[in-house]
């Protein structure tokens, strides 16, 4: 696990690279390679929207760039758009047959996730007992085989499952294909019950099929080591919104997963199964994908709850209060997933702030519109606050908050400088001080302007 200082240095290097590529594009706006390379850097920073924008621009300049298609496919995968991801991988395979092997690997991984997800609505008990992260749809669980299952055992289990008819044939066949393909099998291995006693795994699976609650599985969870425990917690959180305590437990569990121990467990099981071994980098990549999948599933279920903003804000505060650099690094994944999931509602509330500002510009003496700015800002901040808290802890200013602050500040300057409406400008500025208290530079500006 890198230290906070190492992560800061890495982030600084990525930012520096973005600036360099931006300078290159300023000199040559038609440099497709520079757009592609900047998109790659944005992707490494997990700024997927900016990455997509750069890849789109690169491909508009050079539609036959196979690497740009593949990189954009990876971003679409991270954003959960499997259809677009597969389309980009297909185009990369078509354009660069020599590099088709790696593109097909990415495509098959996405296709495997897509088949399991889209078929979940057809899968009887499994679909009803879980959410978007569903342990009951894990290929090992579907076929009722252990992580060290041999090829012959897997084939026989698939035949038995087809005869039982409890799951659609294409779901069973795809599960078999995943477990018989070493490069696809790794995602199923880390997302299941790796290195868990068979009796305990069967007990938990039986309880999950009964839609057991978090409380009912507490004792069983205590018997699991970090990786399978995180999978069970994510399954439960995907099926039903988590509270602060459950979110913290999942975060803490993800933080203590040891990649080295997982690497050893996977290869030990594969040796018993007679399957090809994997290297450490492959395990690290699989664990990173798993963490994003778990977190996104839990946050997506959680954001639908009426009290989601207050719960998530408390969760972020308590996580940051630990001052544990490893835990805070994992928290970044939650904040990004929350930002993405809450984005539609956040945008809707931002538009209300903008509309109130527009009303004041039309009539600077409209007291209802002036009051509405403060109300709309507080309403917007209910959702935005955890994003500001996290960015402030990282010594950064949250970009959406900064943009909205500038919009409201421009109105205040216009009121004071153009309309001599000093009291109105001061009233709005004071409302901003409460909402944007986690923007240090902005807070200083507001205090200075309020005094002026």
Protein backbone atom coordinates (compact mmCIF):
# COMPACT_ATOMS: atom_id res chain seq x y z
CA UNK A 1 0.00 0.00 0.00
CA UNK A 2 1.56 3.33 -1.04
CA UNK A 3 1.84 6.01 1.60
CA UNK A 4 -0.14 9.22 1.44
CA UNK A 5 3.05 11.04 0.42
CA UNK A 6 3.64 8.58 -2.44
CA UNK A 7 0.06 8.98 -3.64
CA UNK A 8 0.37 12.76 -3.53
CA UNK A 9 3.60 12.60 -5.53
CA UNK A 10 1.99 10.28 -8.09
CA UNK A 11 -1.02 12.57 -8.43
CA UNK A 12 1.30 15.55 -8.86
CA UNK A 13 3.16 13.74 -11.64
CA UNK A 14 -0.10 12.99 -13.44
CA UNK A 15 -1.19 16.62 -13.11
CA UNK A 16 2.15 17.73 -14.49
CA UNK A 17 1.75 15.39 -17.46
CA UNK A 18 -1.72 16.80 -18.15
CA UNK A 19 -0.29 20.32 -18.21
CA UNK A 20 2.50 19.26 -20.58
CA UNK A 21 0.06 17.62 -22.97
CA UNK A 22 -2.23 20.65 -22.75
CA UNK A 23 0.68 22.86 -23.77
CA UNK A 24 1.40 20.55 -26.71
CA UNK A 25 -2.23 20.78 -27.81
CA UNK A 26 -2.17 24.56 -27.54
CA UNK A 27 0.64 24.51 -30.13
CA UNK A 28 -1.06 21.86 -32.28
CA UNK A 29 -4.81 21.39 -31.65
CA UNK A 30 -4.88 18.55 -34.22
CA UNK A 31 -2.41 16.32 -32.37
CA UNK A 32 -4.44 13.11 -32.02
CA UNK A 33 -1.68 11.31 -30.08
CA UNK A 34 -1.58 14.10 -27.48
CA UNK A 35 -5.36 13.84 -26.97
CA UNK A 36 -5.10 10.06 -26.63
CA UNK A 37 -2.20 10.31 -24.17
CA UNK A 38 -3.95 12.96 -22.10
CA UNK A 39 -7.05 10.79 -22.04
CA UNK A 40 -4.91 7.95 -20.69
CA UNK A 41 -3.60 10.19 -17.89
CA UNK A 42 -7.13 11.36 -17.03
CA UNK A 43 -8.14 7.70 -16.91
CA UNK A 44 -5.32 6.90 -14.49
CA UNK A 45 -6.62 9.73 -12.30
CA UNK A 46 -10.07 8.11 -12.60
CA UNK A 47 -11.42 11.28 -14.16
CA UNK A 48 -13.40 9.27 -16.66
CA UNK A 49 -15.50 12.05 -18.17
CA UNK A 50 -12.42 14.06 -19.16
CA UNK A 51 -10.77 10.87 -20.41
CA UNK A 52 -13.75 10.15 -22.66
CA UNK A 53 -13.71 13.69 -23.99
CA UNK A 54 -10.03 13.38 -24.97
CA UNK A 55 -10.45 9.93 -26.53
CA UNK A 56 -13.45 11.19 -28.52
CA UNK A 57 -11.36 14.07 -29.81
CA UNK A 58 -8.43 11.78 -30.63
CA UNK A 59 -10.69 9.47 -32.61
CA UNK A 60 -12.35 12.33 -34.44
CA UNK A 61 -8.85 13.26 -35.67
CA UNK A 62 -7.69 9.68 -36.24
CA UNK A 63 -10.62 7.21 -36.43
CA UNK A 64 -8.27 4.28 -37.12
CA UNK A 65 -6.32 4.52 -33.85
CA UNK A 66 -6.85 1.05 -32.37
CA UNK A 67 -5.22 1.95 -29.07
CA UNK A 68 -7.52 4.95 -28.57
CA UNK A 69 -10.54 2.69 -29.19
CA UNK A 70 -9.23 0.15 -26.66
CA UNK A 71 -8.49 2.81 -24.05
CA UNK A 72 -11.92 4.34 -24.52
CA UNK A 73 -13.39 0.84 -24.14
CA UNK A 74 -11.68 0.50 -20.76
CA UNK A 75 -13.18 3.81 -19.65
CA UNK A 76 -16.65 2.77 -20.79
CA UNK A 77 -16.16 -0.43 -18.79
CA UNK A 78 -15.25 1.58 -15.67
CA UNK A 79 -18.38 3.69 -16.17
CA UNK A 80 -20.53 0.55 -16.41
CA UNK A 81 -21.45 0.89 -20.12
CA UNK A 82 -20.64 -2.63 -21.33
CA UNK A 83 -22.27 -2.18 -24.74
CA UNK A 84 -20.03 0.74 -25.71
CA UNK A 85 -16.98 -0.93 -24.18
CA UNK A 86 -17.46 -4.07 -26.29
CA UNK A 87 -18.04 -1.96 -29.43
CA UNK A 88 -14.72 -0.16 -28.89
CA UNK A 89 -12.84 -3.41 -28.23
CA UNK A 90 -14.35 -4.92 -31.40
CA UNK A 91 -13.18 -1.92 -33.41
CA UNK A 92 -9.68 -2.16 -31.88
CA UNK A 93 -9.50 -5.87 -32.83
CA UNK A 94 -10.56 -5.01 -36.38
CA UNK A 95 -8.00 -2.20 -36.74
CA UNK A 96 -5.03 -3.97 -35.11
CA UNK A 97 -5.09 -7.77 -35.63
CA UNK A 98 -1.53 -8.01 -34.24
CA UNK A 99 -2.68 -6.66 -30.89
CA UNK A 100 -6.01 -8.47 -30.91
CA UNK A 101 -5.06 -10.82 -28.08
CA UNK A 102 -5.12 -8.21 -25.33
CA UNK A 103 -8.20 -6.52 -26.80
CA UNK A 104 -10.05 -9.85 -26.82
CA UNK A 105 -9.09 -10.44 -23.19
CA UNK A 106 -10.69 -7.13 -22.23
CA UNK A 107 -13.72 -7.88 -24.41
CA UNK A 108 -14.26 -11.33 -22.89
CA UNK A 109 -14.02 -9.94 -19.37
CA UNK A 110 -16.67 -7.31 -20.10
CA UNK A 111 -18.81 -9.85 -21.93
CA UNK A 112 -18.64 -12.16 -18.95
CA UNK A 113 -19.87 -9.42 -16.61
CA UNK A 114 -22.57 -8.44 -19.11
CA UNK A 115 -23.96 -11.94 -19.52
CA UNK A 116 -24.15 -12.54 -15.77
CA UNK A 117 -25.75 -9.15 -15.16
CA UNK A 118 -28.30 -9.25 -17.97
CA UNK A 119 -29.28 -12.82 -17.18
CA UNK A 120 -29.80 -12.12 -13.49
CA UNK A 121 -33.42 -11.19 -14.16
CA UNK A 122 -33.93 -14.69 -15.56
CA UNK A 123 -32.17 -16.47 -12.72
CA UNK A 124 -34.78 -17.54 -10.18
CA UNK A 125 -33.65 -17.47 -6.55
CA UNK A 126 -30.33 -15.80 -7.36
CA UNK A 127 -31.84 -12.68 -8.86
CA UNK A 128 -34.31 -12.18 -6.04
CA UNK A 129 -31.73 -12.55 -3.29
CA UNK A 130 -29.20 -9.92 -4.33
CA UNK A 131 -28.55 -6.61 -6.03
CA UNK A 132 -26.00 -5.52 -8.61
CA UNK A 133 -23.20 -7.28 -6.75
CA UNK A 134 -24.73 -10.72 -6.40
CA UNK A 135 -22.64 -13.52 -4.89
CA UNK A 136 -25.27 -16.02 -5.95
CA UNK A 137 -24.42 -15.28 -9.59
CA UNK A 138 -20.72 -15.96 -9.08
CA UNK A 139 -19.78 -18.82 -11.49
CA UNK A 140 -18.41 -20.98 -8.66
CA UNK A 141 -21.65 -20.54 -6.71
CA UNK A 142 -23.88 -21.04 -9.76
CA UNK A 143 -22.20 -24.35 -10.56
CA UNK A 144 -21.82 -25.31 -6.88
CA UNK A 145 -18.09 -26.00 -7.16
CA UNK A 146 -15.16 -24.97 -4.97
CA UNK A 147 -12.30 -22.64 -6.01
CA UNK A 148 -10.00 -25.63 -6.59
CA UNK A 149 -12.44 -27.40 -8.91
CA UNK A 150 -10.84 -29.22 -11.85
CA UNK A 151 -11.98 -28.85 -15.46
CA UNK A 152 -13.74 -32.21 -15.30
CA UNK A 153 -15.55 -31.25 -12.09
CA UNK A 154 -16.68 -27.96 -13.64
CA UNK A 155 -17.99 -29.65 -16.79
CA UNK A 156 -19.89 -32.24 -14.77
CA UNK A 157 -21.34 -29.52 -12.51
CA UNK A 158 -22.48 -27.57 -15.57
CA UNK A 159 -24.22 -30.67 -16.95
CA UNK A 160 -25.93 -31.23 -13.60
CA UNK A 161 -27.03 -27.59 -13.46
CA UNK A 162 -28.47 -27.81 -16.97
CA UNK A 163 -30.42 -30.92 -15.99
CA UNK A 164 -31.75 -29.20 -12.85
CA UNK A 165 -33.00 -26.31 -14.96
CA UNK A 166 -32.85 -23.82 -12.09
CA UNK A 167 -30.89 -21.33 -14.19
CA UNK A 168 -31.05 -20.44 -17.91
CA UNK A 169 -28.81 -22.58 -20.13
CA UNK A 170 -26.82 -19.63 -21.46
CA UNK A 171 -26.03 -18.48 -17.90
CA UNK A 172 -24.75 -21.96 -17.01
CA UNK A 173 -22.71 -22.22 -20.20
CA UNK A 174 -21.16 -18.81 -19.64
CA UNK A 175 -20.28 -19.70 -16.04
CA UNK A 176 -18.56 -22.85 -17.30
CA UNK A 177 -16.66 -20.86 -19.95
CA UNK A 178 -15.40 -18.38 -17.34
CA UNK A 179 -14.15 -21.10 -14.99
CA UNK A 180 -12.43 -23.00 -17.79
CA UNK A 181 -10.64 -19.89 -19.11
CA UNK A 182 -7.71 -19.00 -16.77
CA UNK A 183 -7.63 -15.28 -17.63
CA UNK A 184 -11.40 -14.95 -17.00
CA UNK A 185 -11.46 -17.22 -13.97
CA UNK A 186 -9.51 -14.78 -11.80
CA UNK A 187 -12.42 -12.32 -11.45
CA UNK A 188 -14.71 -15.13 -10.29
CA UNK A 189 -12.04 -16.36 -7.86
CA UNK A 190 -11.56 -13.06 -6.05
CA UNK A 191 -15.30 -12.26 -6.08
CA UNK A 192 -16.37 -15.48 -4.38
CA UNK A 193 -15.44 -17.63 -1.40
CA UNK A 194 -11.71 -18.06 -1.95
CA UNK A 195 -9.93 -19.94 0.86
CA UNK A 196 -13.15 -20.44 2.85
CA UNK A 197 -14.06 -23.75 4.47
CA UNK A 198 -16.64 -25.46 2.20
CA UNK A 199 -19.13 -25.95 5.05
CA UNK A 200 -19.00 -22.25 5.98
CA UNK A 201 -19.35 -21.16 2.36
CA UNK A 202 -22.38 -23.42 1.86
CA UNK A 203 -23.98 -22.09 5.06
CA UNK A 204 -23.57 -18.48 3.94
CA UNK A 205 -24.87 -19.23 0.44
CA UNK A 206 -27.93 -20.94 1.92
CA UNK A 207 -28.59 -17.92 4.14
CA UNK A 208 -28.15 -15.48 1.24
CA UNK A 209 -30.69 -17.43 -0.80
CA UNK A 210 -33.08 -16.93 2.12
CA UNK A 211 -32.31 -13.18 1.89
CA UNK A 212 -30.65 -13.13 5.31
CA UNK A 213 -29.94 -9.71 6.81
CA UNK A 214 -26.63 -8.23 7.89
CA UNK A 215 -27.50 -8.90 11.55
CA UNK A 216 -28.37 -12.54 10.86
CA UNK A 217 -24.98 -13.10 9.21
CA UNK A 218 -22.84 -11.31 11.82
CA UNK A 219 -21.43 -14.50 13.33
CA UNK A 220 -20.60 -15.98 9.92
CA UNK A 221 -18.95 -12.74 8.81
CA UNK A 222 -16.65 -12.87 11.83
CA UNK A 223 -15.34 -16.25 10.62
CA UNK A 224 -14.35 -14.96 7.17
CA UNK A 225 -11.07 -13.36 6.25
CA UNK A 226 -11.10 -9.96 4.55
CA UNK A 227 -11.67 -10.80 0.87
CA UNK A 228 -14.75 -13.08 1.15
CA UNK A 229 -16.08 -10.91 3.98
CA UNK A 230 -15.98 -7.89 1.66
CA UNK A 231 -17.88 -9.91 -0.95
CA UNK A 232 -20.64 -10.87 1.49
CA UNK A 233 -20.89 -7.30 2.79
CA UNK A 234 -21.08 -5.94 -0.76
CA UNK A 235 -23.79 -8.46 -1.61
CA UNK A 236 -25.84 -7.36 1.39
CA UNK A 237 -25.23 -3.66 0.71
CA UNK A 238 -26.18 -4.06 -2.93
CA UNK A 239 -29.47 -5.71 -1.99
CA UNK A 240 -30.42 -3.23 0.77
CA UNK A 241 -29.04 0.25 1.63
CA UNK A 242 -26.27 0.21 4.23
CA UNK A 243 -26.05 2.40 7.30
CA UNK A 244 -22.93 4.25 8.44
CA UNK A 245 -21.62 1.32 10.51
CA UNK A 246 -22.00 -1.16 7.65
CA UNK A 247 -20.35 1.21 5.15
CA UNK A 248 -17.42 1.66 7.52
CA UNK A 249 -17.08 -2.08 8.00
CA UNK A 250 -16.96 -2.67 4.25
CA UNK A 251 -14.42 0.14 3.80
CA UNK A 252 -12.23 -1.17 6.63
CA UNK A 253 -12.48 -4.72 5.28
CA UNK A 254 -11.43 -3.65 1.79
CA UNK A 255 -8.49 -1.78 3.29
CA UNK A 256 -7.00 -4.85 4.99
CA UNK A 257 -7.23 -7.19 2.00
CA UNK A 258 -3.67 -8.41 1.40
CA UNK A 259 -2.93 -8.83 -2.31
CA UNK A 260 0.01 -11.13 -1.53
CA UNK A 261 -2.17 -13.51 0.47
CA UNK A 262 -4.82 -13.51 -2.28
CA UNK A 263 -2.11 -14.24 -4.87
CA UNK A 264 -0.95 -17.26 -2.86
CA UNK A 265 -4.49 -18.53 -2.25
CA UNK A 266 -5.48 -18.26 -5.92
CA UNK A 267 -2.39 -20.10 -7.15
CA UNK A 268 -2.71 -22.76 -4.47
CA UNK A 269 -6.29 -23.44 -5.57
CA UNK A 270 -5.24 -23.40 -9.23
CA UNK A 271 -2.44 -25.86 -8.57
CA UNK A 272 -4.97 -28.26 -7.05
CA UNK A 273 -7.31 -27.64 -9.99
CA UNK A 274 -4.59 -28.16 -12.59
CA UNK A 275 -5.25 -24.68 -13.99
CA UNK A 276 -2.70 -22.10 -15.20
CA UNK A 277 -1.24 -19.88 -12.50
CA UNK A 278 -1.51 -16.07 -12.43
CA UNK A 279 1.03 -13.37 -11.62
CA UNK A 280 0.81 -10.70 -8.93
CA UNK A 281 -0.11 -7.91 -11.35
CA UNK A 282 -3.10 -9.89 -12.61
CA UNK A 283 -4.31 -10.37 -9.02
CA UNK A 284 -3.80 -6.67 -8.22
CA UNK A 285 -5.82 -5.67 -11.30
CA UNK A 286 -8.59 -8.14 -10.43
CA UNK A 287 -8.77 -6.80 -6.87
CA UNK A 288 -8.97 -3.22 -8.17
CA UNK A 289 -11.86 -4.17 -10.46
CA UNK A 290 -13.57 -5.99 -7.60
CA UNK A 291 -13.27 -2.99 -5.28
CA UNK A 292 -14.84 -0.67 -7.86
CA UNK A 293 -17.61 -3.19 -8.59
CA UNK A 294 -18.41 -3.70 -4.90
CA UNK A 295 -18.37 -0.01 -4.11
CA UNK A 296 -20.44 1.08 -7.07
CA UNK A 297 -23.08 -1.58 -6.37
CA UNK A 298 -23.35 -0.56 -2.71
CA UNK A 299 -23.47 3.17 -3.47
CA UNK A 300 -26.02 2.76 -6.27
CA UNK A 301 -28.36 0.91 -3.90
CA UNK A 302 -27.67 3.39 -1.13
CA UNK A 303 -28.27 6.58 -3.17
CA UNK A 304 -31.83 5.49 -3.80
CA UNK A 305 -32.59 5.81 -0.07
CA UNK A 306 -34.25 9.05 1.10
CA UNK A 307 -31.59 9.80 3.73
CA UNK A 308 -28.62 8.91 1.55
CA UNK A 309 -26.89 12.31 1.69
CA UNK A 310 -26.91 12.60 5.48
CA UNK A 311 -25.75 9.00 5.91
CA UNK A 312 -22.94 9.38 3.40
CA UNK A 313 -21.80 12.68 4.92
CA UNK A 314 -21.55 11.05 8.36
CA UNK A 315 -19.73 8.09 6.82
CA UNK A 316 -17.15 10.37 5.16
CA UNK A 317 -16.62 12.37 8.36
CA UNK A 318 -16.04 9.23 10.42
CA UNK A 319 -13.72 7.71 7.83
CA UNK A 320 -11.63 10.88 7.61
CA UNK A 321 -11.51 11.14 11.40
CA UNK A 322 -9.52 7.89 11.52
CA UNK A 323 -6.64 9.69 9.75
CA UNK A 324 -5.68 6.27 8.37
CA UNK A 325 -3.96 6.97 5.03
CA UNK A 326 -4.74 3.51 3.63
CA UNK A 327 -8.41 3.77 4.57
CA UNK A 328 -8.70 7.30 3.17
CA UNK A 329 -7.15 6.10 -0.09
CA UNK A 330 -9.93 3.50 -0.36
CA UNK A 331 -12.50 6.16 0.54
CA UNK A 332 -11.68 7.90 -2.74
CA UNK A 333 -13.47 5.08 -4.61
CA UNK A 334 -16.61 5.63 -2.52
CA UNK A 335 -16.58 9.38 -3.08
CA UNK A 336 -16.24 8.96 -6.84
CA UNK A 337 -19.03 6.37 -6.93
CA UNK A 338 -21.25 8.63 -4.82
CA UNK A 339 -20.51 11.60 -7.08
CA UNK A 340 -21.48 9.61 -10.15
CA UNK A 341 -24.63 8.15 -8.60
CA UNK A 342 -25.80 11.47 -7.09
CA UNK A 343 -24.90 13.50 -10.18
CA UNK A 344 -28.44 13.74 -11.67
CA UNK A 345 -29.97 15.00 -8.43
CA UNK A 346 -26.99 17.27 -7.78
CA UNK A 347 -27.38 18.81 -11.25
CA UNK A 348 -31.11 19.33 -10.71
CA UNK A 349 -30.48 21.18 -7.45
CA UNK A 350 -27.69 23.23 -9.01
CA UNK A 351 -30.10 24.41 -11.70
CA UNK A 352 -32.39 25.75 -8.98
CA UNK A 353 -29.51 27.85 -7.63
CA UNK A 354 -28.76 29.16 -11.12
CA UNK A 355 -32.44 29.92 -11.75
CA UNK A 356 -32.64 31.89 -8.48
CA UNK A 357 -29.53 33.85 -9.48
CA UNK A 358 -31.10 34.62 -12.86
CA UNK A 359 -34.23 35.91 -11.14
CA UNK A 360 -32.16 38.30 -9.02
CA UNK A 361 -30.39 39.59 -12.12
CA UNK A 362 -33.78 40.32 -13.65
CA UNK A 363 -34.95 42.11 -10.51
CA UNK A 364 -32.24 42.89 -7.92
CA UNK A 365 -34.91 43.93 -5.39
CA UNK A 366 -36.86 40.67 -5.59
CA UNK A 367 -36.67 39.51 -1.95
CA UNK A 368 -38.22 36.13 -2.70
CA UNK A 369 -35.56 35.39 -5.31
CA UNK A 370 -32.79 36.56 -2.96
CA UNK A 371 -34.08 34.27 -0.19
CA UNK A 372 -34.43 31.44 -2.69
CA UNK A 373 -30.71 31.56 -3.46
CA UNK A 374 -29.85 30.75 0.15
CA UNK A 375 -32.50 28.01 0.31
CA UNK A 376 -31.39 26.45 -2.99
CA UNK A 377 -27.73 26.58 -1.95
CA UNK A 378 -28.44 24.74 1.30
CA UNK A 379 -30.55 22.18 -0.56
CA UNK A 380 -27.73 21.63 -3.07
CA UNK A 381 -25.15 21.38 -0.30
CA UNK A 382 -27.01 18.54 1.42
CA UNK A 383 -25.75 16.30 -1.38
CA UNK A 384 -22.50 18.09 -2.20
CA UNK A 385 -21.09 18.37 1.32
CA UNK A 386 -19.35 14.96 1.52
CA UNK A 387 -17.53 15.71 -1.75
CA UNK A 388 -16.27 19.01 -0.34
CA UNK A 389 -15.25 17.36 2.94
CA UNK A 390 -13.15 14.75 1.17
CA UNK A 391 -11.48 17.19 -1.20
CA UNK A 392 -10.73 19.61 1.65
CA UNK A 393 -9.08 16.77 3.59
CA UNK A 394 -6.92 16.12 0.53
CA UNK A 395 -6.03 19.84 0.42
CA UNK A 396 -8.03 20.36 -2.75
CA UNK A 397 -11.11 22.37 -3.66
CA UNK A 398 -14.06 20.39 -5.01
CA UNK A 399 -14.49 21.47 -8.64
CA UNK A 400 -18.31 21.50 -8.76
CA UNK A 401 -18.50 23.57 -5.58
CA UNK A 402 -15.85 25.94 -6.90
CA UNK A 403 -17.75 26.42 -10.19
CA UNK A 404 -21.04 27.15 -8.43
CA UNK A 405 -19.33 29.50 -5.98
CA UNK A 406 -17.87 31.48 -8.90
CA UNK A 407 -21.32 31.70 -10.49
CA UNK A 408 -22.89 33.11 -7.31
CA UNK A 409 -19.88 35.32 -6.60
CA UNK A 410 -20.16 36.88 -10.07
CA UNK A 411 -23.75 37.79 -9.22
CA UNK A 412 -22.65 39.43 -5.94
CA UNK A 413 -19.94 41.46 -7.71
CA UNK A 414 -22.46 42.56 -10.34
CA UNK A 415 -24.94 43.59 -7.66
CA UNK A 416 -22.31 45.64 -5.81
CA UNK A 417 -20.39 47.12 -8.73
CA UNK A 418 -23.10 47.60 -11.34
CA UNK A 419 -26.27 48.04 -9.29
CA UNK A 420 -24.96 49.41 -5.96
CA UNK A 421 -27.08 46.76 -4.19
CA UNK A 422 -24.55 46.31 -1.40
CA UNK A 423 -26.87 44.82 1.21
CA UNK A 424 -28.22 42.25 -1.23
CA UNK A 425 -24.70 41.30 -2.28
CA UNK A 426 -23.69 40.98 1.37
CA UNK A 427 -26.72 38.83 2.22
CA UNK A 428 -25.93 36.39 -0.61
CA UNK A 429 -22.22 36.39 0.26
CA UNK A 430 -23.00 35.44 3.85
CA UNK A 431 -25.21 32.58 2.66
CA UNK A 432 -22.28 31.40 0.52
CA UNK A 433 -19.95 31.46 3.51
CA UNK A 434 -22.00 28.74 5.20
CA UNK A 435 -22.29 26.55 2.11
CA UNK A 436 -18.74 26.88 0.78
CA UNK A 437 -16.90 26.69 4.10
CA UNK A 438 -14.80 23.81 2.78
CA UNK A 439 -13.34 25.95 -0.02
CA UNK A 440 -10.49 27.75 1.80
CA UNK A 441 -9.62 30.15 -1.03
CA UNK A 442 -13.26 30.95 -1.65
CA UNK A 443 -13.99 31.49 2.04
CA UNK A 444 -11.20 34.05 2.26
CA UNK A 445 -12.54 35.86 -0.79
CA UNK A 446 -16.06 35.93 0.64
CA UNK A 447 -14.93 37.32 3.98
CA UNK A 448 -12.93 40.05 2.28
CA UNK A 449 -15.75 40.97 -0.07
CA UNK A 450 -18.34 40.95 2.72
CA UNK A 451 -16.22 43.45 4.67
CA UNK A 452 -15.80 45.64 1.58
